[in-house]
C-alpha atoms as a PDB file:
ATOM      1  CA  MET A   1      62.669  75.630  34.384  1.00  0.00           C
ATOM      2  CA  ASN A   2      61.203  73.410  31.643  1.00  0.00           C
ATOM      3  CA  GLY A   3      62.574  75.546  28.785  1.00  0.00           C
ATOM      4  CA  ALA A   4      61.222  78.813  30.181  1.00  0.00           C
ATOM      5  CA  THR A   5      63.303  81.953  29.800  1.00  0.00           C
ATOM      6  CA  PRO A   6      65.606  82.483  32.851  1.00  0.00           C
ATOM      7  CA  PRO A   7      63.896  84.871  35.256  1.00  0.00           C
ATOM      8  CA  HIS A   8      66.448  87.576  35.983  1.00  0.00           C
ATOM      9  CA  SER A   9      67.126  90.657  33.909  1.00  0.00           C
ATOM     10  CA  ILE A  10      70.183  92.854  34.535  1.00  0.00           C
ATOM     11  CA  GLY A  11      67.976  95.247  36.492  1.00  0.00           C
ATOM     12  CA  GLU A  12      66.666  92.422  38.676  1.00  0.00           C
ATOM     13  CA  LEU A  13      70.228  91.168  39.321  1.00  0.00           C
ATOM     14  CA  SER A  14      71.165  94.692  40.356  1.00  0.00           C
ATOM     15  CA  ALA A  15      68.214  94.904  42.736  1.00  0.00           C
ATOM     16  CA  ARG A  16      69.016  91.489  44.240  1.00  0.00           C
ATOM     17  CA  THR A  17      72.768  92.066  44.730  1.00  0.00           C
ATOM     18  CA  GLY A  18      73.286  95.799  45.042  1.00  0.00           C
ATOM     19  CA  VAL A  19      75.719  95.747  42.122  1.00  0.00           C
ATOM     20  CA  SER A  20      75.091  98.574  39.652  1.00  0.00           C
ATOM     21  CA  VAL A  21      73.544  97.805  36.263  1.00  0.00           C
ATOM     22  CA  ARG A  22      76.580  99.340  34.566  1.00  0.00           C
ATOM     23  CA  THR A  23      78.976  97.036  36.448  1.00  0.00           C
ATOM     24  CA  ILE A  24      76.868  93.927  35.730  1.00  0.00           C
ATOM     25  CA  ARG A  25      76.792  94.826  32.059  1.00  0.00           C
ATOM     26  CA  PHE A  26      80.599  95.244  32.137  1.00  0.00           C
ATOM     27  CA  TYR A  27      81.045  91.821  33.771  1.00  0.00           C
ATOM     28  CA  SER A  28      78.723  90.337  31.170  1.00  0.00           C
ATOM     29  CA  ASP A  29      80.430  92.013  28.212  1.00  0.00           C
ATOM     30  CA  THR A  30      83.884  90.845  29.359  1.00  0.00           C
ATOM     31  CA  GLY A  31      82.742  87.247  29.861  1.00  0.00           C
ATOM     32  CA  LEU A  32      82.891  87.170  33.657  1.00  0.00           C
ATOM     33  CA  LEU A  33      79.118  86.852  33.850  1.00  0.00           C
ATOM     34  CA  PRO A  34      77.843  85.410  30.579  1.00  0.00           C
ATOM     35  CA  PRO A  35      74.029  85.497  30.207  1.00  0.00           C
ATOM     36  CA  THR A  36      72.219  82.209  30.704  1.00  0.00           C
ATOM     37  CA  ASP A  37      69.962  82.980  27.749  1.00  0.00           C
ATOM     38  CA  ARG A  38      68.384  85.815  25.792  1.00  0.00           C
ATOM     39  CA  THR A  39      64.785  86.774  25.129  1.00  0.00           C
ATOM     40  CA  PRO A  40      63.402  86.734  21.561  1.00  0.00           C
ATOM     41  CA  ALA A  41      64.056  90.492  21.541  1.00  0.00           C
ATOM     42  CA  GLY A  42      67.743  89.912  22.434  1.00  0.00           C
ATOM     43  CA  TYR A  43      67.648  90.972  26.092  1.00  0.00           C
ATOM     44  CA  ARG A  44      69.977  89.117  28.422  1.00  0.00           C
ATOM     45  CA  ARG A  45      68.506  86.872  31.090  1.00  0.00           C
ATOM     46  CA  TYR A  46      70.284  85.197  33.991  1.00  0.00           C
ATOM     47  CA  GLY A  47      69.456  82.113  36.051  1.00  0.00           C
ATOM     48  CA  GLU A  48      70.109  81.323  39.714  1.00  0.00           C
ATOM     49  CA  ALA A  49      73.646  80.077  38.932  1.00  0.00           C
ATOM     50  CA  ALA A  50      74.484  83.454  37.435  1.00  0.00           C
ATOM     51  CA  LEU A  51      73.146  85.122  40.573  1.00  0.00           C
ATOM     52  CA  ASP A  52      75.499  82.978  42.707  1.00  0.00           C
ATOM     53  CA  ARG A  53      78.349  83.747  40.331  1.00  0.00           C
ATOM     54  CA  LEU A  54      77.710  87.488  40.632  1.00  0.00           C
ATOM     55  CA  HIS A  55      77.700  87.216  44.436  1.00  0.00           C
ATOM     56  CA  LEU A  56      81.130  85.514  44.322  1.00  0.00           C
ATOM     57  CA  ILE A  57      82.527  88.093  41.890  1.00  0.00           C
ATOM     58  CA  GLY A  58      81.310  90.866  44.190  1.00  0.00           C
ATOM     59  CA  VAL A  59      82.925  89.327  47.253  1.00  0.00           C
ATOM     60  CA  LEU A  60      86.254  88.791  45.475  1.00  0.00           C
ATOM     61  CA  ARG A  61      86.264  92.345  44.138  1.00  0.00           C
ATOM     62  CA  GLU A  62      85.410  93.730  47.581  1.00  0.00           C
ATOM     63  CA  LEU A  63      88.451  91.806  48.871  1.00  0.00           C
ATOM     64  CA  ASP A  64      90.510  93.655  46.230  1.00  0.00           C
ATOM     65  CA  VAL A  65      91.102  90.610  44.051  1.00  0.00           C
ATOM     66  CA  GLY A  66      92.016  91.714  40.518  1.00  0.00           C
ATOM     67  CA  LEU A  67      89.759  91.002  37.557  1.00  0.00           C
ATOM     68  CA  THR A  68      92.338  88.693  35.965  1.00  0.00           C
ATOM     69  CA  THR A  69      92.425  86.547  39.083  1.00  0.00           C
ATOM     70  CA  VAL A  70      88.636  86.645  39.399  1.00  0.00           C
ATOM     71  CA  ARG A  71      88.375  85.331  35.842  1.00  0.00           C
ATOM     72  CA  ARG A  72      90.749  82.447  36.685  1.00  0.00           C
ATOM     73  CA  VAL A  73      88.567  81.540  39.657  1.00  0.00           C
ATOM     74  CA  MET A  74      85.433  81.691  37.517  1.00  0.00           C
ATOM     75  CA  ASP A  75      87.111  79.526  34.869  1.00  0.00           C
ATOM     76  CA  GLY A  76      88.198  76.948  37.465  1.00  0.00           C
ATOM     77  CA  ASP A  77      91.953  77.586  37.086  1.00  0.00           C
ATOM     78  CA  LEU A  78      92.222  78.716  40.726  1.00  0.00           C
ATOM     79  CA  THR A  79      90.244  77.815  43.816  1.00  0.00           C
ATOM     80  CA  VAL A  80      88.816  80.430  46.126  1.00  0.00           C
ATOM     81  CA  ALA A  81      91.027  78.998  48.900  1.00  0.00           C
ATOM     82  CA  GLU A  82      94.195  79.518  46.835  1.00  0.00           C
ATOM     83  CA  VAL A  83      93.226  83.085  46.070  1.00  0.00           C
ATOM     84  CA  ALA A  84      92.336  83.755  49.711  1.00  0.00           C
ATOM     85  CA  ALA A  85      95.712  82.431  50.901  1.00  0.00           C
ATOM     86  CA  ALA A  86      97.636  84.574  48.431  1.00  0.00           C
ATOM     87  CA  HIS A  87      95.663  87.697  49.235  1.00  0.00           C
ATOM     88  CA  ALA A  88      95.936  87.091  52.973  1.00  0.00           C
ATOM     89  CA  ASP A  89      99.729  87.197  52.575  1.00  0.00           C
ATOM     90  CA  ALA A  90      99.496  90.328  50.429  1.00  0.00           C
ATOM     91  CA  THR A  91      97.199  91.977  52.958  1.00  0.00           C
ATOM     92  CA  ALA A  92      99.639  91.155  55.756  1.00  0.00           C
ATOM     93  CA  LEU A  93     102.370  92.969  53.815  1.00  0.00           C
ATOM     94  CA  GLN A  94     100.080  95.949  53.325  1.00  0.00           C
ATOM     95  CA  ILE A  95      99.266  96.035  57.046  1.00  0.00           C
ATOM     96  CA  ARG A  96     102.978  95.886  57.869  1.00  0.00           C
ATOM     97  CA  ALA A  97     103.648  98.759  55.457  1.00  0.00           C
ATOM     98  CA  LEU A  98     100.842 100.819  57.009  1.00  0.00           C
ATOM     99  CA  ARG A  99     102.175 100.187  60.513  1.00  0.00           C
ATOM    100  CA  LEU A 100     105.630 101.259  59.391  1.00  0.00           C
ATOM    101  CA  ARG A 101     104.179 104.395  57.789  1.00  0.00           C
ATOM    102  CA  HIS A 102     102.282 105.148  60.991  1.00  0.00           C
ATOM    103  CA  SER A 103     105.427 104.734  63.098  1.00  0.00           C
ATOM    104  CA  VAL A 104     107.460 106.974  60.778  1.00  0.00           C
ATOM    105  CA  LEU A 105     104.809 109.689  60.945  1.00  0.00           C
ATOM    106  CA  ARG A 106     104.748 109.512  64.750  1.00  0.00           C
ATOM    107  CA  LEU A 107     108.556 109.664  64.843  1.00  0.00           C
ATOM    108  CA  VAL A 108     108.668 112.678  62.523  1.00  0.00           C
ATOM    109  CA  ALA A 109     106.084 114.459  64.682  1.00  0.00           C
ATOM    110  CA  ARG A 110     107.859 113.573  67.928  1.00  0.00           C
ATOM    111  CA  ARG A 111     111.270 114.747  66.682  1.00  0.00           C
ATOM    112  CA  ASP A 112     109.832 117.853  65.005  1.00  0.00           C
ATOM    113  CA  ALA A 113     111.910 116.805  62.006  1.00  0.00           C
ATOM    114  CA  SER A 114     112.960 119.158  59.239  1.00  0.00           C
ATOM    115  CA  PRO A 115     112.070 118.251  55.624  1.00  0.00           C
ATOM    116  CA  GLU A 116     115.594 116.876  55.093  1.00  0.00           C
ATOM    117  CA  GLU A 117     115.423 114.795  58.290  1.00  0.00           C
ATOM    118  CA  THR A 118     111.981 113.529  57.312  1.00  0.00           C
ATOM    119  CA  VAL A 119     113.262 112.274  53.958  1.00  0.00           C
ATOM    120  CA  LEU A 120     116.260 110.615  55.631  1.00  0.00           C
ATOM    121  CA  MET A 121     114.163 108.919  58.327  1.00  0.00           C
ATOM    122  CA  HIS A 122     111.693 107.648  55.745  1.00  0.00           C
ATOM    123  CA  ARG A 123     114.486 106.233  53.597  1.00  0.00           C
ATOM    124  CA  ILE A 124     116.181 104.572  56.585  1.00  0.00           C
ATOM    125  CA  ALA A 125     112.918 103.099  57.849  1.00  0.00           C
ATOM    126  CA  ARG A 126     112.056 101.606  54.454  1.00  0.00           C
ATOM    127  CA  LEU A 127     115.317  99.711  54.008  1.00  0.00           C
ATOM    128  CA  THR A 128     114.760  96.005  53.425  1.00  0.00           C
ATOM    129  CA  SER A 129     116.059  93.488  55.958  1.00  0.00           C
ATOM    130  CA  ASP A 130     118.936  92.656  53.591  1.00  0.00           C
ATOM    131  CA  GLU A 131     119.792  96.343  53.213  1.00  0.00           C
ATOM    132  CA  ARG A 132     119.731  96.811  56.991  1.00  0.00           C
ATOM    133  CA  ARG A 133     122.052  93.836  57.511  1.00  0.00           C
ATOM    134  CA  ARG A 134     124.378  95.158  54.820  1.00  0.00           C
ATOM    135  CA  LEU A 135     124.513  98.563  56.528  1.00  0.00           C
ATOM    136  CA  ILE A 136     125.639  96.981  59.802  1.00  0.00           C
ATOM    137  CA  ALA A 137     127.948  94.516  58.032  1.00  0.00           C
ATOM    138  CA  ASP A 138     129.703  97.358  56.197  1.00  0.00           C
ATOM    139  CA  PHE A 139     130.142  99.242  59.485  1.00  0.00           C
ATOM    140  CA  ILE A 140     131.708  96.196  61.151  1.00  0.00           C
ATOM    141  CA  ALA A 141     133.863  95.425  58.096  1.00  0.00           C
ATOM    142  CA  ALA A 142     135.312  98.938  58.258  1.00  0.00           C
ATOM    143  CA  LEU A 143     136.274  98.309  61.886  1.00  0.00           C
ATOM    144  CA  GLU A 144     137.879  94.980  60.992  1.00  0.00           C
ATOM    145  CA  ALA A 145     140.152  96.782  58.544  1.00  0.00           C
ATOM    146  CA  GLY A 146     141.522  98.984  61.324  1.00  0.00           C
ATOM    147  CA  THR A 147     143.760  98.568  64.346  1.00  0.00           C
ATOM    148  CA  PRO A 148     143.870  95.434  66.536  1.00  0.00           C
ATOM    149  CA  HIS A 149     141.676  97.257  69.062  1.00  0.00           C
ATOM    150  CA  ALA A 150     139.202  98.096  66.300  1.00  0.00           C
ATOM    151  CA  ARG A 151     139.143  94.439  65.251  1.00  0.00           C
ATOM    152  CA  ASP A 152     138.356  93.472  68.850  1.00  0.00           C
ATOM    153  CA  ALA A 153     135.517  96.012  68.769  1.00  0.00           C
ATOM    154  CA  ALA A 154     134.211  94.463  65.530  1.00  0.00           C
ATOM    155  CA  ALA A 155     134.229  91.008  67.130  1.00  0.00           C
ATOM    156  CA  ALA A 156     132.208  92.373  70.062  1.00  0.00           C
ATOM    157  CA  LEU A 157     129.656  93.919  67.697  1.00  0.00           C
ATOM    158  CA  ARG A 158     129.201  90.610  65.870  1.00  0.00           C
ATOM    159  CA  THR A 159     128.052  88.961  69.105  1.00  0.00           C
ATOM    160  CA  ALA A 160     124.983  91.241  69.284  1.00  0.00           C
ATOM    161  CA  LEU A 161     123.792  92.284  65.839  1.00  0.00           C
ATOM    162  CA  PRO A 162     120.780  94.624  65.801  1.00  0.00           C
ATOM    163  CA  GLU A 163     117.620  93.229  64.175  1.00  0.00           C
ATOM    164  CA  LEU A 164     114.583  95.387  63.444  1.00  0.00           C
ATOM    165  CA  PRO A 165     111.452  93.213  63.826  1.00  0.00           C
ATOM    166  CA  ASP A 166     109.055  92.844  60.908  1.00  0.00           C
ATOM    167  CA  GLU A 167     106.449  94.714  62.931  1.00  0.00           C
ATOM    168  CA  PRO A 168     108.481  97.139  65.053  1.00  0.00           C
ATOM    169  CA  SER A 169     107.108  99.201  67.879  1.00  0.00           C
ATOM    170  CA  ASP A 170     107.465 102.975  67.714  1.00  0.00           C
ATOM    171  CA  ALA A 171     110.417 102.717  70.126  1.00  0.00           C
ATOM    172  CA  GLN A 172     112.141 100.077  67.986  1.00  0.00           C
ATOM    173  CA  LEU A 173     111.710 102.084  64.800  1.00  0.00           C
ATOM    174  CA  ALA A 174     113.076 105.197  66.515  1.00  0.00           C
ATOM    175  CA  ALA A 175     116.009 103.111  67.794  1.00  0.00           C
ATOM    176  CA  TRP A 176     116.716 101.786  64.294  1.00  0.00           C
ATOM    177  CA  VAL A 177     116.684 105.262  62.728  1.00  0.00           C
ATOM    178  CA  GLU A 178     119.039 106.589  65.410  1.00  0.00           C
ATOM    179  CA  LEU A 179     121.364 103.593  65.152  1.00  0.00           C
ATOM    180  CA  ALA A 180     121.497 103.839  61.352  1.00  0.00           C
ATOM    181  CA  GLU A 181     122.411 107.505  61.654  1.00  0.00           C
ATOM    182  CA  LEU A 182     125.194 106.589  64.099  1.00  0.00           C
ATOM    183  CA  VAL A 183     126.828 103.883  61.986  1.00  0.00           C
ATOM    184  CA  ALA A 184     126.750 106.148  58.906  1.00  0.00           C
ATOM    185  CA  ASP A 185     128.976 108.636  60.749  1.00  0.00           C
ATOM    186  CA  ASP A 186     132.710 108.100  60.176  1.00  0.00           C
ATOM    187  CA  GLY A 187     133.455 109.913  63.423  1.00  0.00           C
ATOM    188  CA  PHE A 188     131.314 107.459  65.365  1.00  0.00           C
ATOM    189  CA  ARG A 189     133.171 104.531  63.817  1.00  0.00           C
ATOM    190  CA  GLU A 190     136.424 105.965  65.173  1.00  0.00           C
ATOM    191  CA  ARG A 191     134.856 106.314  68.627  1.00  0.00           C
ATOM    192  CA  MET A 192     133.550 102.751  68.490  1.00  0.00           C
ATOM    193  CA  ALA A 193     137.026 101.521  67.552  1.00  0.00           C
ATOM    194  CA  ARG A 194     138.393 103.095  70.728  1.00  0.00           C
ATOM    195  CA  ALA A 195     135.658 102.279  73.212  1.00  0.00           C
ATOM    196  CA  ALA A 196     133.352  99.471  72.042  1.00  0.00           C
ATOM    197  CA  LEU A 197     134.520  97.258  74.901  1.00  0.00           C
ATOM    198  CA  PRO A 198     134.339  98.356  78.533  1.00  0.00           C
ATOM    199  CA  PRO A 199     137.799  99.128  79.891  1.00  0.00           C
ATOM    200  CA  ALA A 200     139.483  96.404  81.892  1.00  0.00           C
ATOM    201  CA  ASP A 201     139.428  96.932  85.643  1.00  0.00           C
ATOM    202  CA  GLU A 202     143.100  97.852  85.740  1.00  0.00           C
ATOM    203  CA  ASP A 203     142.440 100.517  83.085  1.00  0.00           C
ATOM    204  CA  VAL A 204     139.644 102.058  85.135  1.00  0.00           C
ATOM    205  CA  LEU A 205     142.104 102.886  87.930  1.00  0.00           C
ATOM    206  CA  PRO A 206     145.543 103.196  86.318  1.00  0.00           C
ATOM    207  CA  GLY A 207     148.427 103.348  88.776  1.00  0.00           C
ATOM    208  CA  VAL A 208     146.469 101.658  91.564  1.00  0.00           C
ATOM    209  CA  ALA A 209     147.832  98.403  92.982  1.00  0.00           C
ATOM    210  CA  PRO A 210     146.132  95.309  91.447  1.00  0.00           C
ATOM    211  CA  GLU A 211     144.976  94.026  94.830  1.00  0.00           C
ATOM    212  CA  ALA A 212     143.263  97.376  95.558  1.00  0.00           C
ATOM    213  CA  VAL A 213     141.629  97.356  92.119  1.00  0.00           C
ATOM    214  CA  ALA A 214     140.366  93.820  92.753  1.00  0.00           C
ATOM    215  CA  GLU A 215     138.521  95.087  95.841  1.00  0.00           C
ATOM    216  CA  LEU A 216     137.383  98.531  94.707  1.00  0.00           C
ATOM    217  CA  VAL A 217     136.032  97.964  91.200  1.00  0.00           C
ATOM    218  CA  PRO A 218     133.647  95.101  92.070  1.00  0.00           C
ATOM    219  CA  PHE A 219     132.432  97.135  95.044  1.00  0.00           C
ATOM    220  CA  VAL A 220     131.594 100.236  93.030  1.00  0.00           C
ATOM    221  CA  ARG A 221     130.073  98.110  90.249  1.00  0.00           C
ATOM    222  CA  ARG A 222     127.720  96.382  92.733  1.00  0.00           C
ATOM    223  CA  THR A 223     126.891  99.652  94.469  1.00  0.00           C
ATOM    224  CA  VAL A 224     125.984 101.451  91.254  1.00  0.00           C
ATOM    225  CA  ALA A 225     123.983  98.453  90.000  1.00  0.00           C
ATOM    226  CA  GLY A 226     121.967  98.546  93.226  1.00  0.00           C
ATOM    227  CA  ALA A 227     121.370 102.287  92.852  1.00  0.00           C
ATOM    228  CA  ARG A 228     120.221 101.846  89.270  1.00  0.00           C
ATOM    229  CA  ALA A 229     117.935  98.972  90.202  1.00  0.00           C
ATOM    230  CA  ALA A 230     116.392 101.216  92.867  1.00  0.00           C
ATOM    231  CA  GLY A 231     115.808 103.920  90.260  1.00  0.00           C
ATOM    232  CA  ILE A 232     118.138 106.437  91.910  1.00  0.00           C
ATOM    233  CA  ASP A 233     118.972 109.448  89.760  1.00  0.00           C
ATOM    234  CA  PRO A 234     122.727 110.146  89.893  1.00  0.00           C
ATOM    235  CA  GLU A 235     121.979 113.864  90.230  1.00  0.00           C
ATOM    236  CA  GLY A 236     119.227 113.425  92.813  1.00  0.00           C
ATOM    237  CA  ASP A 237     119.526 113.746  96.573  1.00  0.00           C
ATOM    238  CA  GLU A 238     119.205 109.985  97.014  1.00  0.00           C
ATOM    239  CA  ALA A 239     122.525 109.515  95.208  1.00  0.00           C
ATOM    240  CA  ALA A 240     124.505 111.338  97.919  1.00  0.00           C
ATOM    241  CA  PRO A 241     124.754 108.289 100.275  1.00  0.00           C
ATOM    242  CA  VAL A 242     125.864 106.148  97.325  1.00  0.00           C
ATOM    243  CA  VAL A 243     128.632 108.606  96.485  1.00  0.00           C
ATOM    244  CA  ASP A 244     129.653 108.775 100.138  1.00  0.00           C
ATOM    245  CA  ALA A 245     129.823 104.989 100.420  1.00  0.00           C
ATOM    246  CA  VAL A 246     131.962 104.630  97.298  1.00  0.00           C
ATOM    247  CA  THR A 247     134.359 107.436  98.147  1.00  0.00           C
ATOM    248  CA  ALA A 248     134.666 106.224 101.743  1.00  0.00           C
ATOM    249  CA  ARG A 249     135.680 102.753 100.531  1.00  0.00           C
ATOM    250  CA  PHE A 250     138.202 104.245  98.095  1.00  0.00           C
ATOM    251  CA  ALA A 251     139.618 106.479 100.809  1.00  0.00           C
ATOM    252  CA  ALA A 252     140.029 103.534 103.182  1.00  0.00           C
ATOM    253  CA  VAL A 253     141.642 101.193 100.648  1.00  0.00           C
ATOM    254  CA  LEU A 254     143.896 103.811  99.063  1.00  0.00           C
ATOM    255  CA  GLY A 255     144.810 105.463 102.346  1.00  0.00           C
ATOM    256  CA  ARG A 256     143.701 108.897 101.111  1.00  0.00           C
ATOM    257  CA  PRO A 257     141.393 111.405 102.804  1.00  0.00           C
ATOM    258  CA  ASP A 258     137.842 111.616 101.494  1.00  0.00           C
ATOM    259  CA  GLY A 259     137.831 115.148 100.211  1.00  0.00           C
ATOM    260  CA  PRO A 260     137.505 117.255  97.058  1.00  0.00           C
ATOM    261  CA  GLU A 261     140.839 116.043  95.679  1.00  0.00           C
ATOM    262  CA  LEU A 262     139.901 112.351  95.889  1.00  0.00           C
ATOM    263  CA  ARG A 263     136.417 112.928  94.484  1.00  0.00           C
ATOM    264  CA  GLU A 264     137.742 115.012  91.604  1.00  0.00           C
ATOM    265  CA  TRP A 265     140.282 112.288  90.837  1.00  0.00           C
ATOM    266  CA  LEU A 266     137.585 109.612  90.913  1.00  0.00           C
ATOM    267  CA  ALA A 267     135.288 111.578  88.595  1.00  0.00           C
ATOM    268  CA  GLY A 268     138.133 111.990  86.122  1.00  0.00           C
ATOM    269  CA  ARG A 269     138.983 108.278  86.278  1.00  0.00           C
ATOM    270  CA  PHE A 270     135.371 107.230  85.746  1.00  0.00           C
ATOM    271  CA  GLU A 271     134.969 109.606  82.787  1.00  0.00           C
ATOM    272  CA  ALA A 272     138.148 108.433  81.040  1.00  0.00           C
ATOM    273  CA  GLY A 273     137.683 105.630  78.544  1.00  0.00           C
ATOM    274  CA  HIS A 274     133.888 105.765  78.560  1.00  0.00           C
ATOM    275  CA  ASP A 275     132.092 107.086  75.502  1.00  0.00           C
ATOM    276  CA  PRO A 276     128.397 107.944  76.022  1.00  0.00           C
ATOM    277  CA  LEU A 277     127.679 107.545  72.294  1.00  0.00           C
ATOM    278  CA  VAL A 278     129.078 104.018  72.323  1.00  0.00           C
ATOM    279  CA  GLU A 279     126.919 103.215  75.335  1.00  0.00           C
ATOM    280  CA  ARG A 280     123.990 104.709  73.444  1.00  0.00           C
ATOM    281  CA  TYR A 281     124.675 102.311  70.544  1.00  0.00           C
ATOM    282  CA  TRP A 282     124.430  99.305  72.858  1.00  0.00           C
ATOM    283  CA  ARG A 283     121.221 100.606  74.442  1.00  0.00           C
ATOM    284  CA  LEU A 284     119.719 100.984  70.946  1.00  0.00           C
ATOM    285  CA  VAL A 285     120.695  97.391  70.140  1.00  0.00           C
ATOM    286  CA  TRP A 286     118.955  96.225  73.322  1.00  0.00           C
ATOM    287  CA  THR A 287     115.819  98.146  72.336  1.00  0.00           C
ATOM    288  CA  LEU A 288     115.812  96.773  68.779  1.00  0.00           C
ATOM    289  CA  ASN A 289     116.350  93.181  69.886  1.00  0.00           C
ATOM    290  CA  ASP A 290     113.840  93.571  72.740  1.00  0.00           C
ATOM    291  CA  TRP A 291     116.432  92.555  75.322  1.00  0.00           C
ATOM    292  CA  GLN A 292     115.967  93.410  78.959  1.00  0.00           C
ATOM    293  CA  VAL A 293     118.399  95.995  80.277  1.00  0.00           C
ATOM    294  CA  VAL A 294     120.097  94.449  83.312  1.00  0.00           C
ATOM    295  CA  PRO A 295     121.459  97.206  85.619  1.00  0.00           C
ATOM    296  CA  GLY A 296     124.492  95.094  86.555  1.00  0.00           C
ATOM    297  CA  HIS A 297     125.533  94.850  82.913  1.00  0.00           C
ATOM    298  CA  LEU A 298     125.598  98.592  82.325  1.00  0.00           C
ATOM    299  CA  PRO A 299     128.916 100.425  82.685  1.00  0.00           C
ATOM    300  CA  PHE A 300     129.102 101.933  86.149  1.00  0.00           C
ATOM    301  CA  GLN A 301     131.513 104.741  85.248  1.00  0.00           C
ATOM    302  CA  PRO A 302     129.042 107.255  83.713  1.00  0.00           C
ATOM    303  CA  TRP A 303     126.606 106.957  86.629  1.00  0.00           C
ATOM    304  CA  MET A 304     129.376 107.562  89.173  1.00  0.00           C
ATOM    305  CA  ALA A 305     130.933 110.391  87.167  1.00  0.00           C
ATOM    306  CA  GLN A 306     127.567 112.123  86.848  1.00  0.00           C
ATOM    307  CA  ALA A 307     126.853 111.642  90.543  1.00  0.00           C
ATOM    308  CA  LEU A 308     130.250 113.013  91.526  1.00  0.00           C
ATOM    309  CA  ARG A 309     129.995 115.966  89.139  1.00  0.00           C
ATOM    310  CA  ARG A 310     126.693 117.221  90.526  1.00  0.00           C
ATOM    311  CA  PRO A 311     127.297 120.800  91.684  1.00  0.00           C
ATOM    312  CA  GLY A 312     128.245 120.890  95.353  1.00  0.00           C
ATOM    313  CA  ARG A 313     128.897 117.157  95.634  1.00  0.00           C
ATOM    314  CA  VAL A 314     132.647 117.079  95.030  1.00  0.00           C
ATOM    315  CA  SER A 315     133.005 117.688  98.778  1.00  0.00           C
ATOM    316  CA  PRO A 316     131.879 114.986 101.226  1.00  0.00           C
ATOM    317  CA  SER A 317     128.257 115.268 102.305  1.00  0.00           C
ATOM    318  CA  ARG A 318     127.633 116.787 105.722  1.00  0.00           C
ATOM    319  CA  ARG A 319     125.799 114.526 108.112  1.00  0.00           C
END
């Protein structure tokens, strides 16, 4: 500019950039935007480089970069790329936190939670990954200190540890909250120690000859898996033929009439040794880990017991 005074006053910078005069003066006073020169009367003037510098400061501040970091960029201690990378990571954490907050709010609304439940759910949801692992590890360790059957249950739990994703869906967050509430209950730990593993076939039908068990249990397991895969409700009308087929096979193999006595006995056998809360735990693990629920891998006993217990179904269906 051949020694001429730089062209831009603070007011002109404000008009060109949209940044307030007060903010520009603050940047100038703190050294972020030093004036290029001053007029004989002492007024600050800024050249084109200062205009570019102000644009960059504005962008960084709009991206929520702190003034200390902005100064380091202006002084050449950090590159814009380094700052962008760091703030991209920080923003990702903020987004994750907002998603978690959103999911907790939806869960509280859906469960119509009391103030106490709301506080508990929020605390459970905000546990770090290490804290979540420690919660499950402590639950399993308590089982390992128990009976041989409890230790077997602990070994089974270690094969499928629940993991809440970094960005959980609403269903996964709800599953985690429910699972955390379960494992914090001493009574549930006792139930898990008794029934974490599905009963062996011979335990499903105690007192029945092994060769009969070998034929009957696989049959009912396949039949119930097929009914589940078809979406048949155990208490719906479509379940009646399934119940009839199972009880007819049992009657034929055991040499007993298909009547109320046999069906009542079967319902009792299928209910024994199965804990719905333990099954619920495994379903929550599947939800958390995003595993597909395979009908053939679900215990068949609760479906059959529920189907047999439907009012009016303990007697054979009339055809």
